[in-house]
Amino acid sequence: MNTILKGVIPPMVTPLTAEGDLDVSGLERLIEHLIDGGVHGIFLLGTTGEAPSLSFELKKELINRACEIIDKRVQVLVGITDTVFKSSVILSEHAQIAGADAVVVAPPFYFPISENEMHDYLVSLVAELTLPFVLYNMPSCTKMHLSINFVEQAKQLGAIGVKDSSGDLDYLLSLIQTFRNDSNFSIIAGTESFLSNTVSNGGHGSVAGGANFQPKLYVDLYNAALNNDLALVEQLNKKVQFIQDSIYRVGMYNSRFVKGIKCALSVLNICDDYMALPLRRFDEKRRKLIDGYIRQLQEDSIN
């Protein structure tokens, strides 16, 4: 990658058909929607992309199709985390051939490993990678909250940045402070409500799930924070908070965040909201709630 990782990088959902195949037309509409919204990159096969629930063949098809449609207009990051070491290596090689810019690496899920074991794993993986890598701190899904010391070790192994989805603002700010003097190492917030705080304190951007359906909102917030336009930051943060308090609160289960994003995209006629098992899309009652919240956002944008 020729430039540092920065800006708004949506963790793109994976559009699916009712049969569980890749929805190629929905994928194309979604990518054009994101790029038209001004995003700086696209992250494939993250949590919001339901990566752990997708077959290996579907992952490869998604990477191929997405890279072809994006056509180098923005940076492409690909999540390669898997319980099988060789599968991560193969996916990295596939991403490189398809034209991606970097891969994203989180601790392999299921087994509760130590940081020493994770370090050994990363040493072995880096030796096999064909693209630059971004470290991904996602303790709610991996059973491991990566220490700042570990992030420093990862940087020494070649990491070009870290995406922090711990939800711990103090930890995120400590990361920014620790790497403040390194212009080649990016600190990216995975918690989208931390976007303006991240940028204002010297971080580099956010992998914001809500940017799937409201890319311009998050891009505008990023730019406002970058320009220290505090009045605009406050105004836009209210909209981000509205999304947090409405769309992300529909439903009873922790999966409602991903379901809400996909449902919002379906309401906007960008792609369907079919999901890979074990997740299921919202029922009609909850879809109507999401529809109402999207209408409020649109009316607010007009006013």
C-alpha atoms as a PDB file:
ATOM      1  CA  MET A   1       0.000   0.000   0.000  1.00  0.00           C
ATOM      2  CA  ASN A   2       1.382   3.360  -1.009  1.00  0.00           C
ATOM      3  CA  THR A   3      -0.507   5.467   1.501  1.00  0.00           C
ATOM      4  CA  ILE A   4      -1.366   5.130   5.147  1.00  0.00           C
ATOM      5  CA  LEU A   5      -4.673   3.512   6.055  1.00  0.00           C
ATOM      6  CA  LYS A   6      -7.130   6.234   7.048  1.00  0.00           C
ATOM      7  CA  GLY A   7     -10.659   7.569   6.780  1.00  0.00           C
ATOM      8  CA  VAL A   8     -13.970   5.726   6.782  1.00  0.00           C
ATOM      9  CA  ILE A   9     -13.650   2.061   5.838  1.00  0.00           C
ATOM     10  CA  PRO A  10     -17.024   0.295   6.054  1.00  0.00           C
ATOM     11  CA  PRO A  11     -16.996  -3.355   7.159  1.00  0.00           C
ATOM     12  CA  MET A  12     -19.120  -4.289   4.185  1.00  0.00           C
ATOM     13  CA  VAL A  13     -22.022  -6.685   4.627  1.00  0.00           C
ATOM     14  CA  THR A  14     -22.057  -9.722   2.369  1.00  0.00           C
ATOM     15  CA  PRO A  15     -25.187  -9.577   0.159  1.00  0.00           C
ATOM     16  CA  LEU A  16     -26.788 -13.020  -0.058  1.00  0.00           C
ATOM     17  CA  THR A  17     -29.678 -14.616  -1.910  1.00  0.00           C
ATOM     18  CA  ALA A  18     -32.459 -16.595  -0.257  1.00  0.00           C
ATOM     19  CA  GLU A  19     -30.509 -19.752  -1.157  1.00  0.00           C
ATOM     20  CA  GLY A  20     -27.374 -18.498   0.568  1.00  0.00           C
ATOM     21  CA  ASP A  21     -25.411 -17.682  -2.578  1.00  0.00           C
ATOM     22  CA  LEU A  22     -23.618 -14.412  -3.256  1.00  0.00           C
ATOM     23  CA  ASP A  23     -26.040 -11.739  -4.499  1.00  0.00           C
ATOM     24  CA  VAL A  24     -23.840 -10.247  -7.221  1.00  0.00           C
ATOM     25  CA  SER A  25     -26.238  -7.520  -8.333  1.00  0.00           C
ATOM     26  CA  GLY A  26     -26.777  -6.478  -4.717  1.00  0.00           C
ATOM     27  CA  LEU A  27     -23.015  -6.472  -4.202  1.00  0.00           C
ATOM     28  CA  GLU A  28     -22.525  -4.130  -7.129  1.00  0.00           C
ATOM     29  CA  ARG A  29     -25.236  -1.730  -5.916  1.00  0.00           C
ATOM     30  CA  LEU A  30     -23.754  -1.756  -2.424  1.00  0.00           C
ATOM     31  CA  ILE A  31     -20.211  -1.046  -3.571  1.00  0.00           C
ATOM     32  CA  GLU A  32     -21.355   1.826  -5.801  1.00  0.00           C
ATOM     33  CA  HIS A  33     -23.402   3.184  -2.889  1.00  0.00           C
ATOM     34  CA  LEU A  34     -20.315   3.134  -0.650  1.00  0.00           C
ATOM     35  CA  ILE A  35     -17.989   4.706  -3.178  1.00  0.00           C
ATOM     36  CA  ASP A  36     -20.556   7.369  -4.100  1.00  0.00           C
ATOM     37  CA  GLY A  37     -20.736   8.146  -0.378  1.00  0.00           C
ATOM     38  CA  GLY A  38     -17.041   8.995  -0.359  1.00  0.00           C
ATOM     39  CA  VAL A  39     -15.605   6.116   1.683  1.00  0.00           C
ATOM     40  CA  HIS A  40     -11.841   5.731   1.747  1.00  0.00           C
ATOM     41  CA  GLY A  41     -11.723   1.938   1.674  1.00  0.00           C
ATOM     42  CA  ILE A  42     -13.835  -1.212   2.001  1.00  0.00           C
ATOM     43  CA  PHE A  43     -13.272  -4.042   4.463  1.00  0.00           C
ATOM     44  CA  LEU A  44     -14.473  -7.433   3.222  1.00  0.00           C
ATOM     45  CA  LEU A  45     -15.158 -10.456   5.432  1.00  0.00           C
ATOM     46  CA  GLY A  46     -15.295  -8.820   8.817  1.00  0.00           C
ATOM     47  CA  THR A  47     -17.827  -9.436  11.575  1.00  0.00           C
ATOM     48  CA  THR A  48     -20.482  -7.349   9.815  1.00  0.00           C
ATOM     49  CA  GLY A  49     -19.718  -9.339   6.673  1.00  0.00           C
ATOM     50  CA  GLU A  50     -20.647 -12.559   8.540  1.00  0.00           C
ATOM     51  CA  ALA A  51     -17.277 -14.039   7.582  1.00  0.00           C
ATOM     52  CA  PRO A  52     -17.267 -16.968  10.060  1.00  0.00           C
ATOM     53  CA  SER A  53     -20.598 -18.194   8.623  1.00  0.00           C
ATOM     54  CA  LEU A  54     -19.572 -18.194   4.961  1.00  0.00           C
ATOM     55  CA  SER A  55     -18.140 -21.087   2.978  1.00  0.00           C
ATOM     56  CA  PHE A  56     -14.589 -20.859   1.731  1.00  0.00           C
ATOM     57  CA  GLU A  57     -15.793 -20.832  -1.877  1.00  0.00           C
ATOM     58  CA  LEU A  58     -18.238 -18.009  -1.235  1.00  0.00           C
ATOM     59  CA  LYS A  59     -15.480 -15.979   0.463  1.00  0.00           C
ATOM     60  CA  LYS A  60     -13.259 -16.367  -2.576  1.00  0.00           C
ATOM     61  CA  GLU A  61     -16.087 -15.437  -4.913  1.00  0.00           C
ATOM     62  CA  LEU A  62     -16.843 -12.332  -2.853  1.00  0.00           C
ATOM     63  CA  ILE A  63     -13.206 -11.242  -2.942  1.00  0.00           C
ATOM     64  CA  ASN A  64     -13.022 -11.739  -6.712  1.00  0.00           C
ATOM     65  CA  ARG A  65     -16.272  -9.959  -7.487  1.00  0.00           C
ATOM     66  CA  ALA A  66     -15.719  -7.098  -5.050  1.00  0.00           C
ATOM     67  CA  CYS A  67     -12.169  -6.363  -6.231  1.00  0.00           C
ATOM     68  CA  GLU A  68     -13.362  -6.451  -9.830  1.00  0.00           C
ATOM     69  CA  ILE A  69     -16.206  -4.005  -9.149  1.00  0.00           C
ATOM     70  CA  ILE A  70     -14.109  -1.687  -6.947  1.00  0.00           C
ATOM     71  CA  ASP A  71     -11.374  -1.669  -9.600  1.00  0.00           C
ATOM     72  CA  LYS A  72      -8.785   0.113  -7.420  1.00  0.00           C
ATOM     73  CA  ARG A  73     -11.038   3.113  -6.785  1.00  0.00           C
ATOM     74  CA  VAL A  74     -10.572   2.673  -3.018  1.00  0.00           C
ATOM     75  CA  GLN A  75      -8.395   0.451  -0.862  1.00  0.00           C
ATOM     76  CA  VAL A  76      -9.632  -3.088  -0.218  1.00  0.00           C
ATOM     77  CA  LEU A  77      -8.989  -4.912   3.048  1.00  0.00           C
ATOM     78  CA  VAL A  78      -9.828  -8.604   3.423  1.00  0.00           C
ATOM     79  CA  GLY A  79     -10.394 -10.437   6.679  1.00  0.00           C
ATOM     80  CA  ILE A  80      -8.574 -13.780   6.622  1.00  0.00           C
ATOM     81  CA  THR A  81      -9.101 -14.965  10.210  1.00  0.00           C
ATOM     82  CA  ASP A  82      -9.984 -18.645  10.372  1.00  0.00           C
ATOM     83  CA  THR A  83      -9.689 -21.523  12.804  1.00  0.00           C
ATOM     84  CA  VAL A  84      -7.525 -23.281  10.197  1.00  0.00           C
ATOM     85  CA  PHE A  85      -4.076 -21.743   9.708  1.00  0.00           C
ATOM     86  CA  LYS A  86      -3.695 -22.891   6.109  1.00  0.00           C
ATOM     87  CA  SER A  87      -7.094 -21.444   5.202  1.00  0.00           C
ATOM     88  CA  SER A  88      -5.930 -17.983   6.329  1.00  0.00           C
ATOM     89  CA  VAL A  89      -2.812 -18.328   4.198  1.00  0.00           C
ATOM     90  CA  ILE A  90      -4.781 -19.440   1.137  1.00  0.00           C
ATOM     91  CA  LEU A  91      -7.276 -16.604   1.549  1.00  0.00           C
ATOM     92  CA  SER A  92      -4.434 -14.080   1.769  1.00  0.00           C
ATOM     93  CA  GLU A  93      -2.919 -15.444  -1.438  1.00  0.00           C
ATOM     94  CA  HIS A  94      -6.329 -15.306  -3.101  1.00  0.00           C
ATOM     95  CA  ALA A  95      -6.863 -11.693  -1.966  1.00  0.00           C
ATOM     96  CA  GLN A  96      -3.490 -10.675  -3.358  1.00  0.00           C
ATOM     97  CA  ILE A  97      -4.200 -12.237  -6.747  1.00  0.00           C
ATOM     98  CA  ALA A  98      -7.658 -10.608  -6.838  1.00  0.00           C
ATOM     99  CA  GLY A  99      -6.137  -7.172  -6.263  1.00  0.00           C
ATOM    100  CA  ALA A 100      -6.765  -6.436  -2.572  1.00  0.00           C
ATOM    101  CA  ASP A 101      -4.436  -4.046  -0.751  1.00  0.00           C
ATOM    102  CA  ALA A 102      -4.128  -5.626   2.696  1.00  0.00           C
ATOM    103  CA  VAL A 103      -5.454  -8.399   4.912  1.00  0.00           C
ATOM    104  CA  VAL A 104      -6.910  -8.140   8.404  1.00  0.00           C
ATOM    105  CA  VAL A 105      -5.840 -10.603  11.090  1.00  0.00           C
ATOM    106  CA  ALA A 106      -7.616 -11.336  14.385  1.00  0.00           C
ATOM    107  CA  PRO A 107      -6.804 -14.117  16.852  1.00  0.00           C
ATOM    108  CA  PRO A 108      -8.259 -17.416  15.587  1.00  0.00           C
ATOM    109  CA  PHE A 109     -11.527 -17.961  17.415  1.00  0.00           C
ATOM    110  CA  TYR A 110     -12.754 -20.912  19.511  1.00  0.00           C
ATOM    111  CA  PHE A 111      -9.663 -21.917  21.534  1.00  0.00           C
ATOM    112  CA  PRO A 112      -8.838 -19.494  24.396  1.00  0.00           C
ATOM    113  CA  ILE A 113      -5.158 -18.889  23.600  1.00  0.00           C
ATOM    114  CA  SER A 114      -2.562 -16.786  25.423  1.00  0.00           C
ATOM    115  CA  GLU A 115      -0.752 -13.785  23.969  1.00  0.00           C
ATOM    116  CA  ASN A 116       2.431 -15.865  23.795  1.00  0.00           C
ATOM    117  CA  GLU A 117       0.590 -18.421  21.676  1.00  0.00           C
ATOM    118  CA  MET A 118      -0.896 -15.642  19.566  1.00  0.00           C
ATOM    119  CA  HIS A 119       2.574 -14.182  19.037  1.00  0.00           C
ATOM    120  CA  ASP A 120       3.900 -17.543  17.826  1.00  0.00           C
ATOM    121  CA  TYR A 121       0.860 -17.899  15.577  1.00  0.00           C
ATOM    122  CA  LEU A 122       1.415 -14.419  14.110  1.00  0.00           C
ATOM    123  CA  VAL A 123       5.115 -15.089  13.489  1.00  0.00           C
ATOM    124  CA  SER A 124       4.181 -18.205  11.511  1.00  0.00           C
ATOM    125  CA  LEU A 125       1.385 -16.427   9.636  1.00  0.00           C
ATOM    126  CA  VAL A 126       3.421 -13.353   8.679  1.00  0.00           C
ATOM    127  CA  ALA A 127       6.028 -15.604   7.085  1.00  0.00           C
ATOM    128  CA  GLU A 128       3.299 -16.869   4.731  1.00  0.00           C
ATOM    129  CA  LEU A 129       1.423 -13.625   3.990  1.00  0.00           C
ATOM    130  CA  THR A 130       1.541 -12.113   0.524  1.00  0.00           C
ATOM    131  CA  LEU A 131      -0.015  -8.757   1.520  1.00  0.00           C
ATOM    132  CA  PRO A 132       0.487  -6.188   4.309  1.00  0.00           C
ATOM    133  CA  PHE A 133      -1.611  -6.924   7.370  1.00  0.00           C
ATOM    134  CA  VAL A 134      -3.741  -5.000   9.843  1.00  0.00           C
ATOM    135  CA  LEU A 135      -4.178  -6.383  13.356  1.00  0.00           C
ATOM    136  CA  TYR A 136      -7.787  -6.749  14.521  1.00  0.00           C
ATOM    137  CA  ASN A 137      -8.666  -6.532  18.225  1.00  0.00           C
ATOM    138  CA  MET A 138     -12.139  -8.082  18.632  1.00  0.00           C
ATOM    139  CA  PRO A 139     -12.289  -9.531  22.176  1.00  0.00           C
ATOM    140  CA  SER A 140     -16.056 -10.143  22.167  1.00  0.00           C
ATOM    141  CA  CYS A 141     -15.595 -12.715  19.378  1.00  0.00           C
ATOM    142  CA  THR A 142     -12.059 -14.030  19.908  1.00  0.00           C
ATOM    143  CA  LYS A 143     -11.769 -14.382  23.712  1.00  0.00           C
ATOM    144  CA  MET A 144      -8.623 -12.204  23.648  1.00  0.00           C
ATOM    145  CA  HIS A 145      -8.159  -8.491  24.326  1.00  0.00           C
ATOM    146  CA  LEU A 146      -4.814  -7.692  22.725  1.00  0.00           C
ATOM    147  CA  SER A 147      -2.557  -5.680  25.032  1.00  0.00           C
ATOM    148  CA  ILE A 148      -0.762  -2.573  23.808  1.00  0.00           C
ATOM    149  CA  ASN A 149       2.484  -4.476  24.275  1.00  0.00           C
ATOM    150  CA  PHE A 150       1.198  -7.135  21.886  1.00  0.00           C
ATOM    151  CA  VAL A 151       0.206  -4.491  19.322  1.00  0.00           C
ATOM    152  CA  GLU A 152       3.777  -3.175  19.527  1.00  0.00           C
ATOM    153  CA  GLN A 153       5.061  -6.689  18.858  1.00  0.00           C
ATOM    154  CA  ALA A 154       2.712  -7.023  15.897  1.00  0.00           C
ATOM    155  CA  LYS A 155       4.004  -3.744  14.501  1.00  0.00           C
ATOM    156  CA  GLN A 156       7.548  -5.082  14.749  1.00  0.00           C
ATOM    157  CA  LEU A 157       6.376  -8.101  12.756  1.00  0.00           C
ATOM    158  CA  GLY A 158       5.114  -5.785  10.009  1.00  0.00           C
ATOM    159  CA  ALA A 159       1.571  -4.728  10.947  1.00  0.00           C
ATOM    160  CA  ILE A 160       0.595  -1.495   9.207  1.00  0.00           C
ATOM    161  CA  GLY A 161      -2.111  -0.667  11.743  1.00  0.00           C
ATOM    162  CA  VAL A 162      -4.653  -1.928  14.244  1.00  0.00           C
ATOM    163  CA  LYS A 163      -8.438  -1.965  14.141  1.00  0.00           C
ATOM    164  CA  ASP A 164      -9.735  -1.829  17.702  1.00  0.00           C
ATOM    165  CA  SER A 165     -13.256  -3.114  18.306  1.00  0.00           C
ATOM    166  CA  SER A 166     -12.916  -3.560  22.047  1.00  0.00           C
ATOM    167  CA  GLY A 167     -15.343  -0.724  22.791  1.00  0.00           C
ATOM    168  CA  ASP A 168     -12.846   0.562  25.376  1.00  0.00           C
ATOM    169  CA  LEU A 169     -12.209   4.253  24.652  1.00  0.00           C
ATOM    170  CA  ASP A 170      -9.388   4.535  27.194  1.00  0.00           C
ATOM    171  CA  TYR A 171      -7.579   1.639  25.529  1.00  0.00           C
ATOM    172  CA  LEU A 172      -8.115   3.189  22.095  1.00  0.00           C
ATOM    173  CA  LEU A 173      -6.727   6.538  23.239  1.00  0.00           C
ATOM    174  CA  SER A 174      -3.744   4.733  24.791  1.00  0.00           C
ATOM    175  CA  LEU A 175      -3.072   3.096  21.434  1.00  0.00           C
ATOM    176  CA  ILE A 176      -3.146   6.492  19.737  1.00  0.00           C
ATOM    177  CA  GLN A 177      -0.754   7.908  22.316  1.00  0.00           C
ATOM    178  CA  THR A 178       1.617   4.949  22.095  1.00  0.00           C
ATOM    179  CA  PHE A 179       1.993   5.173  18.323  1.00  0.00           C
ATOM    180  CA  ARG A 180       1.577   8.943  18.010  1.00  0.00           C
ATOM    181  CA  ASN A 181       5.045   9.453  16.573  1.00  0.00           C
ATOM    182  CA  ASP A 182       4.792   6.704  13.979  1.00  0.00           C
ATOM    183  CA  SER A 183       3.212   8.138  10.843  1.00  0.00           C
ATOM    184  CA  ASN A 184       3.186   4.727   9.127  1.00  0.00           C
ATOM    185  CA  PHE A 185       1.045   2.895  11.692  1.00  0.00           C
ATOM    186  CA  SER A 186      -2.711   3.455  11.613  1.00  0.00           C
ATOM    187  CA  ILE A 187      -5.061   3.402  14.600  1.00  0.00           C
ATOM    188  CA  ILE A 188      -8.570   2.635  13.363  1.00  0.00           C
ATOM    189  CA  ALA A 189     -11.640   2.583  15.615  1.00  0.00           C
ATOM    190  CA  GLY A 190     -13.981  -0.342  15.184  1.00  0.00           C
ATOM    191  CA  THR A 191     -16.542   1.312  17.472  1.00  0.00           C
ATOM    192  CA  GLU A 192     -18.145   3.848  15.156  1.00  0.00           C
ATOM    193  CA  SER A 193     -19.307   6.166  17.938  1.00  0.00           C
ATOM    194  CA  PHE A 194     -15.589   6.717  18.677  1.00  0.00           C
ATOM    195  CA  LEU A 195     -14.906   8.094  15.182  1.00  0.00           C
ATOM    196  CA  SER A 196     -14.665  11.804  16.013  1.00  0.00           C
ATOM    197  CA  ASN A 197     -12.784  11.126  19.276  1.00  0.00           C
ATOM    198  CA  THR A 198     -10.326   8.959  17.387  1.00  0.00           C
ATOM    199  CA  VAL A 199      -9.583  11.534  14.714  1.00  0.00           C
ATOM    200  CA  SER A 200      -9.526  14.500  17.112  1.00  0.00           C
ATOM    201  CA  ASN A 201      -6.925  12.741  19.238  1.00  0.00           C
ATOM    202  CA  GLY A 202      -4.641  11.816  16.371  1.00  0.00           C
ATOM    203  CA  GLY A 203      -6.063   8.483  15.210  1.00  0.00           C
ATOM    204  CA  HIS A 204      -6.757   7.711  11.596  1.00  0.00           C
ATOM    205  CA  GLY A 205     -10.403   6.783  11.114  1.00  0.00           C
ATOM    206  CA  SER A 206     -13.053   4.143  11.654  1.00  0.00           C
ATOM    207  CA  VAL A 207     -14.358   0.866  10.330  1.00  0.00           C
ATOM    208  CA  ALA A 208     -17.931   2.055  10.821  1.00  0.00           C
ATOM    209  CA  GLY A 209     -20.732  -0.471  10.325  1.00  0.00           C
ATOM    210  CA  GLY A 210     -23.325   2.259   9.831  1.00  0.00           C
ATOM    211  CA  ALA A 211     -21.382   3.514   6.829  1.00  0.00           C
ATOM    212  CA  ASN A 212     -22.861   0.564   4.938  1.00  0.00           C
ATOM    213  CA  PHE A 213     -26.169   2.428   4.695  1.00  0.00           C
ATOM    214  CA  GLN A 214     -25.117   6.001   5.597  1.00  0.00           C
ATOM    215  CA  PRO A 215     -21.606   6.358   4.141  1.00  0.00           C
ATOM    216  CA  LYS A 216     -21.775  10.115   3.616  1.00  0.00           C
ATOM    217  CA  LEU A 217     -22.732  10.742   7.257  1.00  0.00           C
ATOM    218  CA  TYR A 218     -19.593   9.037   8.552  1.00  0.00           C
ATOM    219  CA  VAL A 219     -17.368  10.548   5.864  1.00  0.00           C
ATOM    220  CA  ASP A 220     -18.694  14.016   6.718  1.00  0.00           C
ATOM    221  CA  LEU A 221     -18.059  13.342  10.418  1.00  0.00           C
ATOM    222  CA  TYR A 222     -14.517  12.181   9.685  1.00  0.00           C
ATOM    223  CA  ASN A 223     -13.816  15.335   7.671  1.00  0.00           C
ATOM    224  CA  ALA A 224     -15.390  17.584  10.300  1.00  0.00           C
ATOM    225  CA  ALA A 225     -13.224  16.038  13.022  1.00  0.00           C
ATOM    226  CA  LEU A 226     -10.151  16.317  10.805  1.00  0.00           C
ATOM    227  CA  ASN A 227     -10.914  20.029  10.246  1.00  0.00           C
ATOM    228  CA  ASN A 228     -11.717  20.574  13.938  1.00  0.00           C
ATOM    229  CA  ASP A 229     -15.181  21.863  13.040  1.00  0.00           C
ATOM    230  CA  LEU A 230     -16.615  21.271  16.494  1.00  0.00           C
ATOM    231  CA  ALA A 231     -20.111  22.551  15.740  1.00  0.00           C
ATOM    232  CA  LEU A 232     -20.473  20.210  12.765  1.00  0.00           C
ATOM    233  CA  VAL A 233     -18.943  17.324  14.724  1.00  0.00           C
ATOM    234  CA  GLU A 234     -21.573  17.791  17.428  1.00  0.00           C
ATOM    235  CA  GLN A 235     -24.381  17.942  14.868  1.00  0.00           C
ATOM    236  CA  LEU A 236     -23.248  14.810  13.023  1.00  0.00           C
ATOM    237  CA  ASN A 237     -22.548  12.886  16.220  1.00  0.00           C
ATOM    238  CA  LYS A 238     -26.203  13.360  17.145  1.00  0.00           C
ATOM    239  CA  LYS A 239     -27.148  11.496  13.955  1.00  0.00           C
ATOM    240  CA  VAL A 240     -24.659   8.732  14.724  1.00  0.00           C
ATOM    241  CA  GLN A 241     -26.100   8.472  18.217  1.00  0.00           C
ATOM    242  CA  PHE A 242     -29.601   8.273  16.747  1.00  0.00           C
ATOM    243  CA  ILE A 243     -28.493   5.244  14.727  1.00  0.00           C
ATOM    244  CA  GLN A 244     -27.031   3.699  17.883  1.00  0.00           C
ATOM    245  CA  ASP A 245     -30.238   4.294  19.826  1.00  0.00           C
ATOM    246  CA  SER A 246     -32.664   3.208  17.107  1.00  0.00           C
ATOM    247  CA  ILE A 247     -31.519   0.886  14.319  1.00  0.00           C
ATOM    248  CA  TYR A 248     -29.000  -0.905  16.532  1.00  0.00           C
ATOM    249  CA  ARG A 249     -31.574  -1.387  19.301  1.00  0.00           C
ATOM    250  CA  VAL A 250     -34.167  -3.251  17.269  1.00  0.00           C
ATOM    251  CA  GLY A 251     -34.423  -6.880  18.313  1.00  0.00           C
ATOM    252  CA  MET A 252     -33.564  -8.796  21.465  1.00  0.00           C
ATOM    253  CA  TYR A 253     -30.217 -10.424  20.704  1.00  0.00           C
ATOM    254  CA  ASN A 254     -26.612  -9.294  20.329  1.00  0.00           C
ATOM    255  CA  SER A 255     -26.831 -10.122  16.628  1.00  0.00           C
ATOM    256  CA  ARG A 256     -29.196  -7.173  16.173  1.00  0.00           C
ATOM    257  CA  PHE A 257     -26.336  -4.870  15.107  1.00  0.00           C
ATOM    258  CA  VAL A 258     -25.550  -6.911  11.986  1.00  0.00           C
ATOM    259  CA  LYS A 259     -29.224  -7.648  11.337  1.00  0.00           C
ATOM    260  CA  GLY A 260     -30.098  -3.963  11.641  1.00  0.00           C
ATOM    261  CA  ILE A 261     -27.459  -2.909   9.126  1.00  0.00           C
ATOM    262  CA  LYS A 262     -28.562  -5.487   6.580  1.00  0.00           C
ATOM    263  CA  CYS A 263     -32.216  -4.640   7.125  1.00  0.00           C
ATOM    264  CA  ALA A 264     -31.482  -0.938   6.603  1.00  0.00           C
ATOM    265  CA  LEU A 265     -29.811  -1.744   3.285  1.00  0.00           C
ATOM    266  CA  SER A 266     -32.843  -3.818   2.284  1.00  0.00           C
ATOM    267  CA  VAL A 267     -35.204  -0.972   3.159  1.00  0.00           C
ATOM    268  CA  LEU A 268     -33.084   1.288   0.936  1.00  0.00           C
ATOM    269  CA  ASN A 269     -33.337  -1.279  -1.906  1.00  0.00           C
ATOM    270  CA  ILE A 270     -29.556  -1.643  -2.078  1.00  0.00           C
ATOM    271  CA  CYS A 271     -29.362  -5.355  -1.284  1.00  0.00           C
ATOM    272  CA  ASP A 272     -31.530  -8.000   0.366  1.00  0.00           C
ATOM    273  CA  ASP A 273     -31.179  -8.772   4.062  1.00  0.00           C
ATOM    274  CA  TYR A 274     -30.854 -12.553   3.814  1.00  0.00           C
ATOM    275  CA  MET A 275     -28.305 -13.815   6.316  1.00  0.00           C
ATOM    276  CA  ALA A 276     -26.085 -16.847   6.708  1.00  0.00           C
ATOM    277  CA  LEU A 277     -27.069 -19.306   9.425  1.00  0.00           C
ATOM    278  CA  PRO A 278     -27.104 -19.199  12.387  1.00  0.00           C
ATOM    279  CA  LEU A 279     -28.389 -15.630  11.919  1.00  0.00           C
ATOM    280  CA  ARG A 280     -31.834 -14.866  10.512  1.00  0.00           C
ATOM    281  CA  ARG A 281     -33.113 -11.593   9.086  1.00  0.00           C
ATOM    282  CA  PHE A 282     -35.652  -9.511  10.986  1.00  0.00           C
ATOM    283  CA  ASP A 283     -39.347 -10.287  10.751  1.00  0.00           C
ATOM    284  CA  GLU A 284     -41.803  -7.830   9.181  1.00  0.00           C
ATOM    285  CA  LYS A 285     -42.557  -6.114  12.489  1.00  0.00           C
ATOM    286  CA  ARG A 286     -38.929  -5.241  13.095  1.00  0.00           C
ATOM    287  CA  ARG A 287     -38.378  -4.381   9.448  1.00  0.00           C
ATOM    288  CA  LYS A 288     -41.100  -1.732   9.752  1.00  0.00           C
ATOM    289  CA  LEU A 289     -39.284  -0.254  12.742  1.00  0.00           C
ATOM    290  CA  ILE A 290     -36.050  -0.047  10.737  1.00  0.00           C
ATOM    291  CA  ASP A 291     -37.960   1.489   7.827  1.00  0.00           C
ATOM    292  CA  GLY A 292     -39.306   4.196  10.118  1.00  0.00           C
ATOM    293  CA  TYR A 293     -35.859   5.001  11.495  1.00  0.00           C
ATOM    294  CA  ILE A 294     -34.388   5.226   7.992  1.00  0.00           C
ATOM    295  CA  ARG A 295     -37.162   7.637   7.017  1.00  0.00           C
ATOM    296  CA  GLN A 296     -36.321   9.786  10.043  1.00  0.00           C
ATOM    297  CA  LEU A 297     -32.675   9.877   9.015  1.00  0.00           C
ATOM    298  CA  GLN A 298     -33.600  10.851   5.458  1.00  0.00           C
ATOM    299  CA  GLU A 299     -35.982  13.580   6.610  1.00  0.00           C
ATOM    300  CA  ASP A 300     -33.342  14.920   8.976  1.00  0.00           C
ATOM    301  CA  SER A 301     -30.821  15.065   6.119  1.00  0.00           C
ATOM    302  CA  ILE A 302     -33.266  17.051   3.983  1.00  0.00           C
ATOM    303  CA  ASN A 303     -34.036  19.468   6.794  1.00  0.00           C
END
